[in-house]
């Protein structure tokens, strides 16, 4: 199993959730209003640094990874770097 962590500009949250549905992701955790600094700049939800990101976590079987990766690439290419879309995987196993 892999734990997938997606981070995207909050403005694209609906598109990311739709993408997860299309890929048949059985469930995910959404963490709204994630603040921080990255390659696309600072997002602190303030006047000086407006905006925020949304983080998604999902535990997926290996066979779900390729379709998800392809759709994420299309989404990233659609919005460009300013969309702040990042995706990471981590090996994981179910503990309980």
N, C-alpha and C. Protein backbone atom coordinates (compact mmCIF):
# COMPACT_ATOMS: atom_id res chain seq x y z
N UNK A 1 0.83 -1.19 0.00
CA UNK A 1 0.00 0.00 0.00
C UNK A 1 0.87 1.24 0.00
N UNK A 2 0.31 2.30 -0.56
CA UNK A 2 0.99 3.59 -0.57
C UNK A 2 0.07 4.63 0.07
N UNK A 3 0.67 5.53 0.82
CA UNK A 3 -0.05 6.69 1.32
C UNK A 3 0.26 7.83 0.36
N UNK A 4 -0.78 8.37 -0.24
CA UNK A 4 -0.63 9.48 -1.18
C UNK A 4 -0.98 10.77 -0.46
N UNK A 5 -0.10 11.75 -0.58
CA UNK A 5 -0.35 13.08 -0.02
C UNK A 5 -0.38 14.06 -1.18
N UNK A 6 -1.53 14.71 -1.36
CA UNK A 6 -1.70 15.71 -2.41
C UNK A 6 -1.85 17.07 -1.76
N UNK A 7 -1.21 18.07 -2.33
CA UNK A 7 -1.34 19.44 -1.86
C UNK A 7 -1.66 20.30 -3.07
N UNK A 8 -2.74 21.09 -2.98
CA UNK A 8 -3.15 21.93 -4.09
C UNK A 8 -3.70 23.24 -3.57
N UNK A 9 -3.62 24.27 -4.39
CA UNK A 9 -4.26 25.54 -4.05
C UNK A 9 -5.72 25.27 -3.76
N UNK A 10 -6.23 25.87 -2.71
CA UNK A 10 -7.61 25.65 -2.30
C UNK A 10 -8.60 25.98 -3.42
N UNK A 11 -8.24 26.88 -4.31
CA UNK A 11 -9.12 27.23 -5.42
C UNK A 11 -9.41 26.03 -6.32
N UNK A 12 -8.55 25.01 -6.29
CA UNK A 12 -8.72 23.84 -7.14
C UNK A 12 -9.21 22.62 -6.37
N UNK A 13 -9.68 22.81 -5.16
CA UNK A 13 -10.10 21.68 -4.32
C UNK A 13 -11.20 20.86 -4.97
N UNK A 14 -12.18 21.50 -5.58
CA UNK A 14 -13.28 20.77 -6.21
C UNK A 14 -12.77 19.90 -7.35
N UNK A 15 -11.83 20.41 -8.14
CA UNK A 15 -11.26 19.63 -9.23
C UNK A 15 -10.47 18.43 -8.72
N UNK A 16 -9.73 18.61 -7.64
CA UNK A 16 -8.96 17.51 -7.06
C UNK A 16 -9.91 16.43 -6.54
N UNK A 17 -10.96 16.84 -5.85
CA UNK A 17 -11.92 15.87 -5.32
C UNK A 17 -12.62 15.11 -6.45
N UNK A 18 -12.95 15.79 -7.52
CA UNK A 18 -13.56 15.14 -8.68
C UNK A 18 -12.59 14.13 -9.28
N UNK A 19 -11.33 14.50 -9.39
CA UNK A 19 -10.31 13.61 -9.92
C UNK A 19 -10.19 12.35 -9.06
N UNK A 20 -10.21 12.51 -7.74
CA UNK A 20 -10.14 11.35 -6.84
C UNK A 20 -11.33 10.42 -7.06
N UNK A 21 -12.51 10.99 -7.24
CA UNK A 21 -13.70 10.20 -7.52
C UNK A 21 -13.55 9.44 -8.83
N UNK A 22 -13.10 10.13 -9.89
CA UNK A 22 -12.93 9.53 -11.20
C UNK A 22 -11.95 8.36 -11.17
N UNK A 23 -10.96 8.45 -10.32
CA UNK A 23 -9.95 7.39 -10.21
C UNK A 23 -10.39 6.25 -9.30
N UNK A 24 -11.57 6.38 -8.72
CA UNK A 24 -12.08 5.32 -7.86
C UNK A 24 -11.41 5.24 -6.51
N UNK A 25 -10.86 6.34 -6.05
CA UNK A 25 -10.24 6.36 -4.72
C UNK A 25 -11.35 6.11 -3.70
N UNK A 26 -11.23 5.04 -2.90
CA UNK A 26 -12.33 4.65 -2.01
C UNK A 26 -12.59 5.61 -0.85
N UNK A 27 -11.59 6.37 -0.46
CA UNK A 27 -11.74 7.31 0.63
C UNK A 27 -10.49 8.15 0.78
N UNK A 28 -10.66 9.31 1.38
CA UNK A 28 -9.52 10.19 1.59
C UNK A 28 -9.81 11.10 2.77
N UNK A 29 -8.76 11.70 3.29
CA UNK A 29 -8.88 12.70 4.34
C UNK A 29 -8.51 14.04 3.72
N UNK A 30 -9.34 15.05 3.97
CA UNK A 30 -9.09 16.40 3.47
C UNK A 30 -8.73 17.29 4.64
N UNK A 31 -7.63 18.01 4.51
CA UNK A 31 -7.21 18.97 5.52
C UNK A 31 -7.24 20.35 4.86
N UNK A 32 -8.27 21.14 5.14
CA UNK A 32 -8.41 22.44 4.49
C UNK A 32 -7.53 23.51 5.14
N UNK A 33 -7.34 24.59 4.43
CA UNK A 33 -6.62 25.78 4.93
C UNK A 33 -5.23 25.47 5.45
N UNK A 34 -4.46 24.74 4.64
CA UNK A 34 -3.07 24.45 4.98
C UNK A 34 -2.25 25.68 4.62
N UNK A 35 -1.47 26.16 5.56
CA UNK A 35 -0.67 27.37 5.37
C UNK A 35 0.80 27.00 5.30
N UNK A 36 1.57 27.77 4.53
CA UNK A 36 3.00 27.52 4.48
C UNK A 36 3.65 28.21 3.30
N UNK A 37 4.90 27.81 3.06
CA UNK A 37 5.70 28.40 1.99
C UNK A 37 6.28 27.27 1.16
N UNK A 38 6.22 27.44 -0.14
CA UNK A 38 6.77 26.44 -1.05
C UNK A 38 7.28 27.07 -2.31
N UNK A 39 7.43 26.26 -3.33
CA UNK A 39 7.97 26.73 -4.61
C UNK A 39 7.12 27.80 -5.25
N UNK A 40 5.81 27.79 -4.98
CA UNK A 40 4.92 28.80 -5.59
C UNK A 40 4.75 30.02 -4.70
N UNK A 41 5.47 30.09 -3.60
CA UNK A 41 5.42 31.26 -2.74
C UNK A 41 4.78 30.98 -1.40
N UNK A 42 4.53 32.05 -0.67
CA UNK A 42 3.94 31.96 0.67
C UNK A 42 2.43 32.01 0.56
N UNK A 43 1.77 31.17 1.33
CA UNK A 43 0.31 31.16 1.43
C UNK A 43 -0.03 31.08 2.92
N UNK A 44 -0.33 32.25 3.46
CA UNK A 44 -0.62 32.33 4.89
C UNK A 44 -2.02 32.85 5.17
N UNK A 45 -2.86 33.00 4.14
CA UNK A 45 -4.23 33.44 4.34
C UNK A 45 -4.32 34.87 4.86
N UNK A 46 -3.31 35.67 4.59
CA UNK A 46 -3.28 37.05 5.08
C UNK A 46 -3.31 38.01 3.89
N UNK A 47 -3.44 39.29 4.18
CA UNK A 47 -3.40 40.28 3.09
C UNK A 47 -2.04 40.30 2.41
N UNK A 48 -1.00 40.13 3.19
CA UNK A 48 0.35 40.15 2.63
C UNK A 48 0.64 38.89 1.81
N UNK A 49 0.15 37.76 2.28
CA UNK A 49 0.37 36.47 1.61
C UNK A 49 -0.96 35.73 1.53
N UNK A 50 -1.82 36.12 0.59
CA UNK A 50 -3.16 35.53 0.51
C UNK A 50 -3.15 34.09 0.03
N UNK A 51 -4.26 33.44 0.26
CA UNK A 51 -4.44 32.07 -0.22
C UNK A 51 -4.06 31.03 0.80
N UNK A 52 -4.45 29.83 0.49
CA UNK A 52 -4.10 28.67 1.30
C UNK A 52 -4.13 27.45 0.40
N UNK A 53 -3.71 26.34 0.93
CA UNK A 53 -3.72 25.08 0.20
C UNK A 53 -4.66 24.11 0.91
N UNK A 54 -4.99 23.04 0.21
CA UNK A 54 -5.74 21.95 0.81
C UNK A 54 -4.89 20.70 0.64
N UNK A 55 -4.83 19.89 1.70
CA UNK A 55 -4.05 18.66 1.66
C UNK A 55 -5.01 17.47 1.69
N UNK A 56 -4.68 16.47 0.90
CA UNK A 56 -5.46 15.23 0.85
C UNK A 56 -4.54 14.06 1.16
N UNK A 57 -5.03 13.12 1.95
CA UNK A 57 -4.31 11.89 2.26
C UNK A 57 -5.19 10.72 1.88
N UNK A 58 -4.61 9.73 1.21
CA UNK A 58 -5.37 8.54 0.83
C UNK A 58 -4.43 7.33 0.83
N UNK A 59 -4.87 6.23 1.41
CA UNK A 59 -4.13 4.98 1.38
C UNK A 59 -4.66 4.17 0.20
N UNK A 60 -3.78 3.85 -0.75
CA UNK A 60 -4.20 3.20 -1.99
C UNK A 60 -3.40 1.95 -2.28
N UNK A 61 -4.04 1.01 -2.96
CA UNK A 61 -3.34 -0.15 -3.49
C UNK A 61 -2.47 0.29 -4.66
N UNK A 62 -1.43 -0.47 -4.92
CA UNK A 62 -0.49 -0.13 -5.99
C UNK A 62 -1.17 0.04 -7.35
N UNK A 63 -2.20 -0.75 -7.64
CA UNK A 63 -2.82 -0.70 -8.96
C UNK A 63 -3.59 0.60 -9.20
N UNK A 64 -3.90 1.35 -8.17
CA UNK A 64 -4.61 2.62 -8.32
C UNK A 64 -3.66 3.77 -8.65
N UNK A 65 -2.37 3.55 -8.49
CA UNK A 65 -1.42 4.64 -8.59
C UNK A 65 -1.25 5.19 -10.01
N UNK A 66 -1.14 4.34 -11.02
CA UNK A 66 -0.88 4.81 -12.39
C UNK A 66 -2.00 5.71 -12.92
N UNK A 67 -3.28 5.30 -12.82
CA UNK A 67 -4.34 6.19 -13.31
C UNK A 67 -4.39 7.51 -12.56
N UNK A 68 -4.16 7.46 -11.26
CA UNK A 68 -4.17 8.68 -10.46
C UNK A 68 -3.04 9.61 -10.89
N UNK A 69 -1.85 9.05 -11.09
CA UNK A 69 -0.70 9.85 -11.50
C UNK A 69 -0.96 10.53 -12.85
N UNK A 70 -1.54 9.82 -13.79
CA UNK A 70 -1.81 10.39 -15.11
C UNK A 70 -2.80 11.55 -15.02
N UNK A 71 -3.87 11.39 -14.26
CA UNK A 71 -4.86 12.46 -14.11
C UNK A 71 -4.28 13.66 -13.36
N UNK A 72 -3.41 13.40 -12.39
CA UNK A 72 -2.77 14.49 -11.67
C UNK A 72 -1.85 15.30 -12.59
N UNK A 73 -1.15 14.61 -13.49
CA UNK A 73 -0.29 15.31 -14.45
C UNK A 73 -1.11 16.23 -15.35
N UNK A 74 -2.26 15.75 -15.81
CA UNK A 74 -3.12 16.57 -16.66
C UNK A 74 -3.60 17.80 -15.89
N UNK A 75 -4.01 17.60 -14.63
CA UNK A 75 -4.47 18.72 -13.80
C UNK A 75 -3.35 19.73 -13.58
N UNK A 76 -2.16 19.24 -13.29
CA UNK A 76 -1.01 20.12 -13.08
C UNK A 76 -0.70 20.92 -14.35
N UNK A 77 -0.72 20.24 -15.48
CA UNK A 77 -0.42 20.92 -16.74
C UNK A 77 -1.49 21.95 -17.09
N UNK A 78 -2.74 21.70 -16.69
CA UNK A 78 -3.84 22.62 -16.94
C UNK A 78 -3.65 23.93 -16.18
N UNK A 79 -3.25 23.84 -14.91
CA UNK A 79 -3.15 25.03 -14.06
C UNK A 79 -1.74 25.60 -13.97
N UNK A 80 -0.76 24.87 -14.42
CA UNK A 80 0.61 25.36 -14.37
C UNK A 80 1.15 25.41 -12.95
N UNK A 81 2.34 25.96 -12.78
CA UNK A 81 2.99 25.99 -11.47
C UNK A 81 2.20 26.77 -10.42
N UNK A 82 1.45 27.79 -10.84
CA UNK A 82 0.72 28.59 -9.86
C UNK A 82 -0.39 27.79 -9.16
N UNK A 83 -0.75 26.63 -9.71
CA UNK A 83 -1.75 25.79 -9.07
C UNK A 83 -1.23 25.12 -7.81
N UNK A 84 0.09 25.11 -7.65
CA UNK A 84 0.68 24.57 -6.44
C UNK A 84 0.40 23.10 -6.20
N UNK A 85 0.10 22.34 -7.26
CA UNK A 85 -0.21 20.92 -7.08
C UNK A 85 1.07 20.13 -6.89
N UNK A 86 1.12 19.43 -5.79
CA UNK A 86 2.24 18.54 -5.48
C UNK A 86 1.65 17.21 -5.02
N UNK A 87 2.35 16.13 -5.33
CA UNK A 87 1.90 14.80 -4.92
C UNK A 87 3.10 14.00 -4.46
N UNK A 88 2.93 13.30 -3.36
CA UNK A 88 3.99 12.49 -2.79
C UNK A 88 3.40 11.14 -2.38
N UNK A 89 4.22 10.11 -2.39
CA UNK A 89 3.79 8.81 -1.89
C UNK A 89 4.77 8.34 -0.82
N UNK A 90 4.22 7.54 0.07
CA UNK A 90 5.02 6.93 1.13
C UNK A 90 4.57 5.49 1.29
N UNK A 91 5.50 4.59 1.47
CA UNK A 91 5.14 3.21 1.74
C UNK A 91 4.44 3.15 3.08
N UNK A 92 3.40 2.35 3.14
CA UNK A 92 2.65 2.25 4.38
C UNK A 92 2.06 0.86 4.54
N UNK A 93 1.71 0.53 5.73
CA UNK A 93 0.99 -0.71 5.99
C UNK A 93 -0.06 -0.43 7.05
N UNK A 94 -1.15 -1.18 6.97
CA UNK A 94 -2.24 -0.97 7.91
C UNK A 94 -1.83 -1.48 9.29
N UNK A 95 -1.98 -0.66 10.29
CA UNK A 95 -1.59 -1.01 11.64
C UNK A 95 -2.74 -1.66 12.40
N UNK A 96 -3.94 -1.16 12.22
CA UNK A 96 -5.11 -1.73 12.90
C UNK A 96 -6.16 -2.15 11.91
